[in-house]
Amino acid sequence: DLAMAACRASVALQQQAAMAKSTNHTAHNQSYKNHRNGIKKPFALKKGQRRALKGMDPKFLRNLRFAKKHNGKGRESEE
């Protein structure tokens, strides 16, 4: 019984090794799909408009607020 179990295990390992491998990632057809509607430039914002900050990194936005608040303050420049 022990020999039969070992034989079955070795056959199972051989079958697993013989299985076909599949690709994890491919860019096939993506370029074609992108060019179907044309790759467009991001539209320019009109005068007075700003990009939305929604979805940006919160740590970056917090630092941005402090930078804007303290812009121009600090050490006096020596001329």
C-alpha atoms as a PDB file:
ATOM      1  CA  ASP A   1       0.000   0.000   0.000  1.00  0.00           C
ATOM      2  CA  LEU A   2       2.824   2.379   0.855  1.00  0.00           C
ATOM      3  CA  ALA A   3       4.565   1.700  -2.450  1.00  0.00           C
ATOM      4  CA  MET A   4       1.332   2.308  -4.389  1.00  0.00           C
ATOM      5  CA  ALA A   5       0.796   5.635  -2.581  1.00  0.00           C
ATOM      6  CA  ALA A   6       4.331   6.729  -3.432  1.00  0.00           C
ATOM      7  CA  CYS A   7       3.797   5.700  -7.053  1.00  0.00           C
ATOM      8  CA  ARG A   8       0.540   7.682  -7.252  1.00  0.00           C
ATOM      9  CA  ALA A   9       2.258  10.726  -5.720  1.00  0.00           C
ATOM     10  CA  SER A  10       5.091  10.610  -8.249  1.00  0.00           C
ATOM     11  CA  VAL A  11       2.599  10.296 -11.150  1.00  0.00           C
ATOM     12  CA  ALA A  12       0.646  13.278  -9.812  1.00  0.00           C
ATOM     13  CA  LEU A  13       3.840  15.359  -9.632  1.00  0.00           C
ATOM     14  CA  GLN A  14       4.756  14.426 -13.197  1.00  0.00           C
ATOM     15  CA  GLN A  15       1.305  15.456 -14.448  1.00  0.00           C
ATOM     16  CA  GLN A  16       1.519  18.813 -12.668  1.00  0.00           C
ATOM     17  CA  ALA A  17       4.936  19.496 -14.180  1.00  0.00           C
ATOM     18  CA  ALA A  18       3.602  18.723 -17.655  1.00  0.00           C
ATOM     19  CA  MET A  19       0.703  21.237 -17.413  1.00  0.00           C
ATOM     20  CA  ALA A  20       0.879  24.245 -19.701  1.00  0.00           C
ATOM     21  CA  LYS A  21       1.812  27.580 -18.178  1.00  0.00           C
ATOM     22  CA  SER A  22      -0.313  30.657 -18.760  1.00  0.00           C
ATOM     23  CA  THR A  23       0.864  34.234 -19.106  1.00  0.00           C
ATOM     24  CA  ASN A  24       0.361  36.612 -16.207  1.00  0.00           C
ATOM     25  CA  HIS A  25       0.144  39.792 -18.280  1.00  0.00           C
ATOM     26  CA  THR A  26      -0.007  40.823 -21.907  1.00  0.00           C
ATOM     27  CA  ALA A  27      -0.474  44.145 -23.700  1.00  0.00           C
ATOM     28  CA  HIS A  28      -1.996  42.429 -26.743  1.00  0.00           C
ATOM     29  CA  ASN A  29      -4.746  44.521 -28.416  1.00  0.00           C
ATOM     30  CA  GLN A  30      -4.480  47.384 -25.910  1.00  0.00           C
ATOM     31  CA  SER A  31      -2.785  49.763 -28.347  1.00  0.00           C
ATOM     32  CA  TYR A  32      -5.426  48.978 -30.968  1.00  0.00           C
ATOM     33  CA  LYS A  33      -8.239  49.666 -28.504  1.00  0.00           C
ATOM     34  CA  ASN A  34      -6.636  52.949 -27.420  1.00  0.00           C
ATOM     35  CA  HIS A  35      -6.297  54.191 -30.988  1.00  0.00           C
ATOM     36  CA  ARG A  36      -9.865  53.253 -31.994  1.00  0.00           C
ATOM     37  CA  ASN A  37     -11.201  56.497 -30.480  1.00  0.00           C
ATOM     38  CA  GLY A  38      -7.902  58.321 -30.793  1.00  0.00           C
ATOM     39  CA  ILE A  39      -5.497  59.201 -28.030  1.00  0.00           C
ATOM     40  CA  LYS A  40      -6.500  62.702 -26.998  1.00  0.00           C
ATOM     41  CA  LYS A  41      -4.628  65.372 -25.094  1.00  0.00           C
ATOM     42  CA  PRO A  42      -6.118  66.337 -21.741  1.00  0.00           C
ATOM     43  CA  PHE A  43      -8.332  69.345 -22.342  1.00  0.00           C
ATOM     44  CA  ALA A  44      -6.969  72.710 -21.258  1.00  0.00           C
ATOM     45  CA  LEU A  45      -8.629  74.412 -18.328  1.00  0.00           C
ATOM     46  CA  LYS A  46     -10.229  77.791 -18.926  1.00  0.00           C
ATOM     47  CA  LYS A  47      -8.911  80.945 -17.268  1.00  0.00           C
ATOM     48  CA  GLY A  48      -9.644  80.948 -13.543  1.00  0.00           C
ATOM     49  CA  GLN A  49     -10.263  77.204 -13.336  1.00  0.00           C
ATOM     50  CA  ARG A  50      -8.166  74.816 -11.274  1.00  0.00           C
ATOM     51  CA  ARG A  51      -7.619  71.075 -11.257  1.00  0.00           C
ATOM     52  CA  ALA A  52      -9.636  69.204  -8.645  1.00  0.00           C
ATOM     53  CA  LEU A  53      -7.662  68.039  -5.622  1.00  0.00           C
ATOM     54  CA  LYS A  54     -10.154  65.238  -4.994  1.00  0.00           C
ATOM     55  CA  GLY A  55      -8.484  61.844  -5.007  1.00  0.00           C
ATOM     56  CA  MET A  56      -4.964  63.195  -4.467  1.00  0.00           C
ATOM     57  CA  ASP A  57      -2.653  61.932  -1.735  1.00  0.00           C
ATOM     58  CA  PRO A  58      -3.889  63.367   1.620  1.00  0.00           C
ATOM     59  CA  LYS A  59      -0.346  63.737   2.975  1.00  0.00           C
ATOM     60  CA  PHE A  60       0.615  65.768  -0.093  1.00  0.00           C
ATOM     61  CA  LEU A  61      -2.503  67.969   0.217  1.00  0.00           C
ATOM     62  CA  ARG A  62      -1.832  68.653   3.900  1.00  0.00           C
ATOM     63  CA  ASN A  63       1.724  69.746   3.119  1.00  0.00           C
ATOM     64  CA  LEU A  64       0.418  71.833   0.208  1.00  0.00           C
ATOM     65  CA  ARG A  65      -1.921  73.738   2.524  1.00  0.00           C
ATOM     66  CA  PHE A  66       0.923  74.518   4.943  1.00  0.00           C
ATOM     67  CA  ALA A  67       3.172  75.572   2.062  1.00  0.00           C
ATOM     68  CA  LYS A  68       0.507  77.944   0.725  1.00  0.00           C
ATOM     69  CA  LYS A  69      -0.169  79.323   4.209  1.00  0.00           C
ATOM     70  CA  HIS A  70       3.474  80.090   4.925  1.00  0.00           C
ATOM     71  CA  ASN A  71       4.528  81.116   1.431  1.00  0.00           C
ATOM     72  CA  GLY A  72       6.615  84.304   1.609  1.00  0.00           C
ATOM     73  CA  LYS A  73       7.124  84.058   5.349  1.00  0.00           C
ATOM     74  CA  GLY A  74      10.360  83.017   6.980  1.00  0.00           C
ATOM     75  CA  ARG A  75      13.912  84.328   6.881  1.00  0.00           C
ATOM     76  CA  GLU A  76      14.361  87.734   5.337  1.00  0.00           C
ATOM     77  CA  SER A  77      16.526  87.574   2.232  1.00  0.00           C
ATOM     78  CA  GLU A  78      19.773  89.563   2.468  1.00  0.00           C
ATOM     79  CA  GLU A  79      20.267  91.842  -0.519  1.00  0.00           C
END
